[in-house]
Amino acid sequence: SSAASDVYKRQGINAEYMGYQQIRRWMFKKETVIDAKGHILGRLCSYVAKQLLNGHRIVVVRCEKLIISGTLTRNKIKFREYRHRAILTNPTHSHRHFRSPARIFVKTIKGMIGRKLKRGEHALSRLKAFEGVPHPYDTRKRMIVTDALRLTRMKQFRPFVVLNDLCKRVGWTHEGEVERLEAKRVQRGKIFYESKKAADKLKLQKEKLQASASIKEINNKLAAFGY
């Protein structure tokens, strides 16, 4: 506004720069919810990392449904080698071997954004990842990334493994809990959809009745002229 620009001028501050900072502060307040089911882990991580560095806020749900190329046996061997990485002198300073799908997803992104820099640290703070679809994201519109889907990026005969199947074989123990909560969420969604469909049907019938009542007089006049 003009009043704010006058204050900035008296203080020797560039009004255009301050306006840009305010826009930059508020333009990415909205969160984007991505459904990770059917996406390739590495390709989705590269897309999400780029959006985080650009200032977007990303929420990734259903991380247990991510896909890794290669057979289950091959990925188990790779994960076993990864788990054996440690420091002999002080193992507490070594790698953090996460087993949950959401933590594996976040750690994959960590290596893509330069997390030791301030820019990467702030970018990582704008990311949230979950197994399943917790509240309040179960009522939010979820997006997909077409360029990261297995159907568009892998040939149909290539082997792959779902991250859920790999994690439960290397120590993740919450698969049953996630499946139970997901079943409850699907049931709630089904009830909501049925009630919404019934409400829309009643609304359409009401609109038809109102329309027929409003044109009844016009129809009588047209009938007098033989129409």
C-alpha atoms as a PDB file:
ATOM      1  CA  SER A   1       0.000   0.000   0.000  1.00  0.00           C
ATOM      2  CA  SER A   2       0.985   3.681  -0.360  1.00  0.00           C
ATOM      3  CA  ALA A   3       1.150   4.188   3.425  1.00  0.00           C
ATOM      4  CA  ALA A   4       3.502   1.251   3.832  1.00  0.00           C
ATOM      5  CA  SER A   5       5.696   2.448   0.960  1.00  0.00           C
ATOM      6  CA  ASP A   6       5.945   5.917   2.579  1.00  0.00           C
ATOM      7  CA  VAL A   7       7.109   4.306   5.831  1.00  0.00           C
ATOM      8  CA  TYR A   8       9.695   2.276   3.944  1.00  0.00           C
ATOM      9  CA  LYS A   9      10.963   5.424   2.176  1.00  0.00           C
ATOM     10  CA  ARG A  10      11.377   7.307   5.470  1.00  0.00           C
ATOM     11  CA  GLN A  11      13.338   4.378   6.856  1.00  0.00           C
ATOM     12  CA  GLY A  12      15.466   4.082   3.742  1.00  0.00           C
ATOM     13  CA  ILE A  13      14.091   0.635   2.798  1.00  0.00           C
ATOM     14  CA  ASN A  14      13.311  -0.446  -0.761  1.00  0.00           C
ATOM     15  CA  ALA A  15       9.521  -0.829  -0.906  1.00  0.00           C
ATOM     16  CA  GLU A  16       9.626  -3.206  -3.886  1.00  0.00           C
ATOM     17  CA  TYR A  17      12.041  -5.491  -2.055  1.00  0.00           C
ATOM     18  CA  MET A  18       9.864  -5.597   1.063  1.00  0.00           C
ATOM     19  CA  GLY A  19       6.788  -6.328  -1.044  1.00  0.00           C
ATOM     20  CA  TYR A  20       8.669  -9.184  -2.692  1.00  0.00           C
ATOM     21  CA  GLN A  21       9.640 -10.575   0.715  1.00  0.00           C
ATOM     22  CA  GLN A  22       6.004 -10.501   1.878  1.00  0.00           C
ATOM     23  CA  ILE A  23       4.841 -12.272  -1.280  1.00  0.00           C
ATOM     24  CA  ARG A  24       7.602 -14.835  -0.908  1.00  0.00           C
ATOM     25  CA  ARG A  25       6.604 -15.424   2.709  1.00  0.00           C
ATOM     26  CA  TRP A  26       2.943 -16.101   1.973  1.00  0.00           C
ATOM     27  CA  MET A  27       2.793 -17.479  -1.574  1.00  0.00           C
ATOM     28  CA  PHE A  28       3.538 -21.106  -0.615  1.00  0.00           C
ATOM     29  CA  LYS A  29       1.465 -21.409   2.559  1.00  0.00           C
ATOM     30  CA  LYS A  30      -0.792 -23.991   0.933  1.00  0.00           C
ATOM     31  CA  GLU A  31       0.324 -27.616   1.264  1.00  0.00           C
ATOM     32  CA  THR A  32       0.321 -30.020  -1.669  1.00  0.00           C
ATOM     33  CA  VAL A  33      -0.711 -33.566  -0.726  1.00  0.00           C
ATOM     34  CA  ILE A  34       0.780 -36.324  -2.905  1.00  0.00           C
ATOM     35  CA  ASP A  35      -0.469 -39.908  -2.873  1.00  0.00           C
ATOM     36  CA  ALA A  36       2.657 -42.044  -3.219  1.00  0.00           C
ATOM     37  CA  LYS A  37       0.898 -45.247  -4.280  1.00  0.00           C
ATOM     38  CA  GLY A  38       2.280 -46.614  -7.540  1.00  0.00           C
ATOM     39  CA  HIS A  39       5.177 -44.121  -7.738  1.00  0.00           C
ATOM     40  CA  ILE A  40       8.841 -45.049  -8.164  1.00  0.00           C
ATOM     41  CA  LEU A  41      10.804 -44.067  -5.065  1.00  0.00           C
ATOM     42  CA  GLY A  42      13.748 -42.303  -6.696  1.00  0.00           C
ATOM     43  CA  ARG A  43      11.754 -40.416  -9.315  1.00  0.00           C
ATOM     44  CA  LEU A  44       9.188 -39.155  -6.820  1.00  0.00           C
ATOM     45  CA  CYS A  45      11.953 -38.084  -4.437  1.00  0.00           C
ATOM     46  CA  SER A  46      13.699 -36.069  -7.155  1.00  0.00           C
ATOM     47  CA  TYR A  47      10.457 -34.260  -8.027  1.00  0.00           C
ATOM     48  CA  VAL A  48       9.594 -33.550  -4.379  1.00  0.00           C
ATOM     49  CA  ALA A  49      13.140 -32.352  -3.618  1.00  0.00           C
ATOM     50  CA  LYS A  50      12.993 -29.830  -6.472  1.00  0.00           C
ATOM     51  CA  GLN A  51       9.630 -28.485  -5.309  1.00  0.00           C
ATOM     52  CA  LEU A  52      10.875 -28.189  -1.713  1.00  0.00           C
ATOM     53  CA  LEU A  53      13.900 -26.182  -2.834  1.00  0.00           C
ATOM     54  CA  ASN A  54      11.545 -23.892  -4.772  1.00  0.00           C
ATOM     55  CA  GLY A  55       9.629 -23.117  -1.583  1.00  0.00           C
ATOM     56  CA  HIS A  56       6.615 -25.430  -1.805  1.00  0.00           C
ATOM     57  CA  ARG A  57       5.170 -27.328   1.147  1.00  0.00           C
ATOM     58  CA  ILE A  58       4.730 -31.031   0.356  1.00  0.00           C
ATOM     59  CA  VAL A  59       2.881 -33.768   2.258  1.00  0.00           C
ATOM     60  CA  VAL A  60       3.400 -37.335   1.014  1.00  0.00           C
ATOM     61  CA  VAL A  61       0.949 -40.008   2.200  1.00  0.00           C
ATOM     62  CA  ARG A  62       0.841 -43.792   1.723  1.00  0.00           C
ATOM     63  CA  CYS A  63       4.628 -44.074   1.567  1.00  0.00           C
ATOM     64  CA  GLU A  64       4.339 -47.824   2.164  1.00  0.00           C
ATOM     65  CA  LYS A  65       2.963 -48.168  -1.389  1.00  0.00           C
ATOM     66  CA  LEU A  66       6.079 -46.753  -3.069  1.00  0.00           C
ATOM     67  CA  ILE A  67       7.852 -48.929  -5.611  1.00  0.00           C
ATOM     68  CA  ILE A  68      11.515 -49.841  -6.025  1.00  0.00           C
ATOM     69  CA  SER A  69      12.718 -51.442  -9.257  1.00  0.00           C
ATOM     70  CA  GLY A  70      14.346 -54.853  -9.027  1.00  0.00           C
ATOM     71  CA  THR A  71      13.371 -58.109  -7.384  1.00  0.00           C
ATOM     72  CA  LEU A  72      12.682 -58.513  -3.689  1.00  0.00           C
ATOM     73  CA  THR A  73      15.778 -60.691  -3.185  1.00  0.00           C
ATOM     74  CA  ARG A  74      18.051 -58.115  -4.835  1.00  0.00           C
ATOM     75  CA  ASN A  75      16.680 -55.263  -2.730  1.00  0.00           C
ATOM     76  CA  LYS A  76      16.964 -57.321   0.474  1.00  0.00           C
ATOM     77  CA  ILE A  77      20.653 -57.908  -0.246  1.00  0.00           C
ATOM     78  CA  LYS A  78      21.211 -54.189  -0.901  1.00  0.00           C
ATOM     79  CA  PHE A  79      19.438 -53.242   2.323  1.00  0.00           C
ATOM     80  CA  ARG A  80      21.437 -55.828   4.266  1.00  0.00           C
ATOM     81  CA  GLU A  81      24.674 -54.239   3.054  1.00  0.00           C
ATOM     82  CA  TYR A  82      23.303 -50.827   4.000  1.00  0.00           C
ATOM     83  CA  ARG A  83      22.454 -52.020   7.535  1.00  0.00           C
ATOM     84  CA  HIS A  84      26.010 -53.264   8.080  1.00  0.00           C
ATOM     85  CA  ARG A  85      27.515 -49.810   7.550  1.00  0.00           C
ATOM     86  CA  ALA A  86      28.767 -48.592  10.905  1.00  0.00           C
ATOM     87  CA  ILE A  87      31.740 -47.071  12.726  1.00  0.00           C
ATOM     88  CA  LEU A  88      33.741 -49.592  14.740  1.00  0.00           C
ATOM     89  CA  THR A  89      35.080 -47.079  17.258  1.00  0.00           C
ATOM     90  CA  ASN A  90      31.690 -45.551  18.100  1.00  0.00           C
ATOM     91  CA  PRO A  91      28.633 -47.093  16.382  1.00  0.00           C
ATOM     92  CA  THR A  92      26.343 -44.381  17.822  1.00  0.00           C
ATOM     93  CA  HIS A  93      27.940 -41.917  15.374  1.00  0.00           C
ATOM     94  CA  SER A  94      27.275 -44.119  12.354  1.00  0.00           C
ATOM     95  CA  HIS A  95      24.364 -44.287   9.911  1.00  0.00           C
ATOM     96  CA  ARG A  96      20.746 -44.248  11.048  1.00  0.00           C
ATOM     97  CA  HIS A  97      19.195 -47.357   9.545  1.00  0.00           C
ATOM     98  CA  PHE A  98      15.510 -46.474   9.277  1.00  0.00           C
ATOM     99  CA  ARG A  99      13.052 -49.295   8.578  1.00  0.00           C
ATOM    100  CA  SER A 100       9.737 -47.444   8.202  1.00  0.00           C
ATOM    101  CA  PRO A 101       8.734 -46.448   4.637  1.00  0.00           C
ATOM    102  CA  ALA A 102       8.169 -42.776   5.517  1.00  0.00           C
ATOM    103  CA  ARG A 103      11.603 -42.411   7.127  1.00  0.00           C
ATOM    104  CA  ILE A 104      13.252 -44.169   4.171  1.00  0.00           C
ATOM    105  CA  PHE A 105      11.489 -41.724   1.841  1.00  0.00           C
ATOM    106  CA  VAL A 106      12.662 -38.703   3.870  1.00  0.00           C
ATOM    107  CA  LYS A 107      16.240 -39.969   4.050  1.00  0.00           C
ATOM    108  CA  THR A 108      16.286 -40.478   0.274  1.00  0.00           C
ATOM    109  CA  ILE A 109      15.290 -36.824  -0.186  1.00  0.00           C
ATOM    110  CA  LYS A 110      17.960 -35.702   2.301  1.00  0.00           C
ATOM    111  CA  GLY A 111      20.676 -36.697  -0.131  1.00  0.00           C
ATOM    112  CA  MET A 112      19.126 -34.607  -2.908  1.00  0.00           C
ATOM    113  CA  ILE A 113      18.737 -31.175  -1.307  1.00  0.00           C
ATOM    114  CA  GLY A 114      22.052 -30.415   0.398  1.00  0.00           C
ATOM    115  CA  ARG A 115      20.688 -30.735   3.903  1.00  0.00           C
ATOM    116  CA  LYS A 116      23.842 -29.311   5.572  1.00  0.00           C
ATOM    117  CA  LEU A 117      23.161 -25.907   3.992  1.00  0.00           C
ATOM    118  CA  LYS A 118      20.578 -23.496   5.309  1.00  0.00           C
ATOM    119  CA  ARG A 119      18.590 -23.740   2.089  1.00  0.00           C
ATOM    120  CA  GLY A 120      18.397 -27.520   2.332  1.00  0.00           C
ATOM    121  CA  GLU A 121      17.577 -27.389   6.049  1.00  0.00           C
ATOM    122  CA  HIS A 122      14.635 -25.051   5.433  1.00  0.00           C
ATOM    123  CA  ALA A 123      13.515 -27.130   2.451  1.00  0.00           C
ATOM    124  CA  LEU A 124      13.474 -30.302   4.549  1.00  0.00           C
ATOM    125  CA  SER A 125      11.372 -28.563   7.205  1.00  0.00           C
ATOM    126  CA  ARG A 126       8.642 -28.083   4.570  1.00  0.00           C
ATOM    127  CA  LEU A 127       8.268 -31.854   4.022  1.00  0.00           C
ATOM    128  CA  LYS A 128       5.932 -34.268   5.791  1.00  0.00           C
ATOM    129  CA  ALA A 129       5.716 -38.000   5.049  1.00  0.00           C
ATOM    130  CA  PHE A 130       3.319 -40.581   6.490  1.00  0.00           C
ATOM    131  CA  GLU A 131       2.356 -44.212   6.216  1.00  0.00           C
ATOM    132  CA  GLY A 132      -1.331 -44.392   5.399  1.00  0.00           C
ATOM    133  CA  VAL A 133      -3.479 -41.255   5.162  1.00  0.00           C
ATOM    134  CA  PRO A 134      -3.805 -39.672   8.632  1.00  0.00           C
ATOM    135  CA  HIS A 135      -6.156 -36.860   9.618  1.00  0.00           C
ATOM    136  CA  PRO A 136      -6.578 -34.146   8.303  1.00  0.00           C
ATOM    137  CA  TYR A 137      -5.168 -35.310   4.969  1.00  0.00           C
ATOM    138  CA  ASP A 138      -7.837 -37.999   4.572  1.00  0.00           C
ATOM    139  CA  THR A 139     -10.313 -35.241   3.611  1.00  0.00           C
ATOM    140  CA  ARG A 140      -7.917 -33.307   1.372  1.00  0.00           C
ATOM    141  CA  LYS A 141      -7.526 -33.647  -2.376  1.00  0.00           C
ATOM    142  CA  ARG A 142      -4.523 -35.838  -3.189  1.00  0.00           C
ATOM    143  CA  MET A 143      -2.357 -35.412  -6.269  1.00  0.00           C
ATOM    144  CA  ILE A 144      -0.140 -37.757  -8.303  1.00  0.00           C
ATOM    145  CA  VAL A 145       3.088 -37.130 -10.227  1.00  0.00           C
ATOM    146  CA  THR A 146       2.607 -38.611 -13.684  1.00  0.00           C
ATOM    147  CA  ASP A 147       6.331 -38.534 -14.538  1.00  0.00           C
ATOM    148  CA  ALA A 148       7.117 -40.710 -11.498  1.00  0.00           C
ATOM    149  CA  LEU A 149       4.470 -43.419 -11.948  1.00  0.00           C
ATOM    150  CA  ARG A 150       5.588 -46.986 -12.579  1.00  0.00           C
ATOM    151  CA  LEU A 151       3.062 -47.324 -15.403  1.00  0.00           C
ATOM    152  CA  THR A 152       4.737 -44.520 -17.350  1.00  0.00           C
ATOM    153  CA  ARG A 153       8.389 -45.110 -16.413  1.00  0.00           C
ATOM    154  CA  MET A 154       8.853 -48.895 -16.281  1.00  0.00           C
ATOM    155  CA  LYS A 155       8.170 -51.609 -18.783  1.00  0.00           C
ATOM    156  CA  GLN A 156       5.401 -53.925 -17.675  1.00  0.00           C
ATOM    157  CA  PHE A 157       7.596 -57.048 -17.557  1.00  0.00           C
ATOM    158  CA  ARG A 158      10.283 -55.463 -15.341  1.00  0.00           C
ATOM    159  CA  PRO A 159      10.415 -56.760 -11.752  1.00  0.00           C
ATOM    160  CA  PHE A 160       9.667 -54.420  -8.883  1.00  0.00           C
ATOM    161  CA  VAL A 161       8.995 -54.552  -5.161  1.00  0.00           C
ATOM    162  CA  VAL A 162       6.571 -52.542  -3.024  1.00  0.00           C
ATOM    163  CA  LEU A 163       8.353 -50.712  -0.207  1.00  0.00           C
ATOM    164  CA  ASN A 164       5.941 -52.209   2.321  1.00  0.00           C
ATOM    165  CA  ASP A 165       7.028 -55.756   1.447  1.00  0.00           C
ATOM    166  CA  LEU A 166      10.695 -54.835   1.810  1.00  0.00           C
ATOM    167  CA  CYS A 167      10.350 -52.948   5.097  1.00  0.00           C
ATOM    168  CA  LYS A 168       8.454 -55.677   6.919  1.00  0.00           C
ATOM    169  CA  ARG A 169      11.282 -58.099   6.064  1.00  0.00           C
ATOM    170  CA  VAL A 170      13.987 -55.852   7.499  1.00  0.00           C
ATOM    171  CA  GLY A 171      12.413 -54.940  10.817  1.00  0.00           C
ATOM    172  CA  TRP A 172       9.345 -52.698  10.308  1.00  0.00           C
ATOM    173  CA  THR A 173       6.583 -54.010  12.605  1.00  0.00           C
ATOM    174  CA  HIS A 174       3.685 -51.574  12.111  1.00  0.00           C
ATOM    175  CA  GLU A 175       2.256 -52.944   8.861  1.00  0.00           C
ATOM    176  CA  GLY A 176      -0.805 -54.459  10.552  1.00  0.00           C
ATOM    177  CA  GLU A 177      -1.601 -51.219  12.372  1.00  0.00           C
ATOM    178  CA  VAL A 178      -1.409 -49.194   9.166  1.00  0.00           C
ATOM    179  CA  GLU A 179      -3.630 -51.669   7.321  1.00  0.00           C
ATOM    180  CA  ARG A 180      -6.217 -51.542  10.127  1.00  0.00           C
ATOM    181  CA  LEU A 181      -6.342 -47.742  10.096  1.00  0.00           C
ATOM    182  CA  GLU A 182      -6.501 -47.676   6.305  1.00  0.00           C
ATOM    183  CA  ALA A 183      -9.482 -50.074   6.324  1.00  0.00           C
ATOM    184  CA  LYS A 184     -11.300 -47.761   8.745  1.00  0.00           C
ATOM    185  CA  ARG A 185     -10.492 -44.746   6.556  1.00  0.00           C
ATOM    186  CA  VAL A 186     -11.816 -46.459   3.432  1.00  0.00           C
ATOM    187  CA  GLN A 187     -15.019 -47.390   5.261  1.00  0.00           C
ATOM    188  CA  ARG A 188     -15.515 -43.787   6.437  1.00  0.00           C
ATOM    189  CA  GLY A 189     -14.941 -42.559   2.906  1.00  0.00           C
ATOM    190  CA  LYS A 190     -17.483 -45.005   1.526  1.00  0.00           C
ATOM    191  CA  ILE A 191     -20.141 -43.863   4.015  1.00  0.00           C
ATOM    192  CA  PHE A 192     -19.419 -40.212   3.229  1.00  0.00           C
ATOM    193  CA  TYR A 193     -19.651 -40.864  -0.516  1.00  0.00           C
ATOM    194  CA  GLU A 194     -23.002 -42.647  -0.208  1.00  0.00           C
ATOM    195  CA  SER A 195     -24.465 -39.834   1.911  1.00  0.00           C
ATOM    196  CA  LYS A 196     -23.121 -37.198  -0.466  1.00  0.00           C
ATOM    197  CA  LYS A 197     -24.567 -39.044  -3.468  1.00  0.00           C
ATOM    198  CA  ALA A 198     -27.995 -39.213  -1.788  1.00  0.00           C
ATOM    199  CA  ALA A 199     -27.834 -35.505  -0.903  1.00  0.00           C
ATOM    200  CA  ASP A 200     -26.911 -34.581  -4.490  1.00  0.00           C
ATOM    201  CA  LYS A 201     -29.826 -36.652  -5.784  1.00  0.00           C
ATOM    202  CA  LEU A 202     -32.289 -34.846  -3.494  1.00  0.00           C
ATOM    203  CA  LYS A 203     -30.844 -31.498  -4.512  1.00  0.00           C
ATOM    204  CA  LEU A 204     -31.271 -32.326  -8.202  1.00  0.00           C
ATOM    205  CA  GLN A 205     -34.890 -33.394  -7.671  1.00  0.00           C
ATOM    206  CA  LYS A 206     -35.583 -30.155  -5.793  1.00  0.00           C
ATOM    207  CA  GLU A 207     -34.081 -28.080  -8.594  1.00  0.00           C
ATOM    208  CA  LYS A 208     -36.227 -29.899 -11.158  1.00  0.00           C
ATOM    209  CA  LEU A 209     -39.390 -29.252  -9.135  1.00  0.00           C
ATOM    210  CA  GLN A 210     -38.537 -25.580  -8.768  1.00  0.00           C
ATOM    211  CA  ALA A 211     -37.819 -25.277 -12.474  1.00  0.00           C
ATOM    212  CA  SER A 212     -41.071 -26.973 -13.445  1.00  0.00           C
ATOM    213  CA  ALA A 213     -43.045 -24.676 -11.096  1.00  0.00           C
ATOM    214  CA  SER A 214     -41.383 -21.538 -12.491  1.00  0.00           C
ATOM    215  CA  ILE A 215     -42.156 -22.379 -16.123  1.00  0.00           C
ATOM    216  CA  LYS A 216     -45.672 -23.683 -15.504  1.00  0.00           C
ATOM    217  CA  GLU A 217     -47.218 -20.292 -16.264  1.00  0.00           C
ATOM    218  CA  ILE A 218     -45.169 -19.968 -19.454  1.00  0.00           C
ATOM    219  CA  ASN A 219     -46.271 -23.426 -20.583  1.00  0.00           C
ATOM    220  CA  ASN A 220     -49.957 -22.485 -20.080  1.00  0.00           C
ATOM    221  CA  LYS A 221     -49.539 -19.391 -22.268  1.00  0.00           C
ATOM    222  CA  LEU A 222     -47.786 -21.409 -24.960  1.00  0.00           C
ATOM    223  CA  ALA A 223     -50.551 -24.058 -24.853  1.00  0.00           C
ATOM    224  CA  ALA A 224     -53.099 -21.297 -25.593  1.00  0.00           C
ATOM    225  CA  PHE A 225     -51.271 -20.637 -28.880  1.00  0.00           C
ATOM    226  CA  GLY A 226     -51.166 -24.325 -29.759  1.00  0.00           C
ATOM    227  CA  TYR A 227     -47.634 -25.174 -28.654  1.00  0.00           C
END
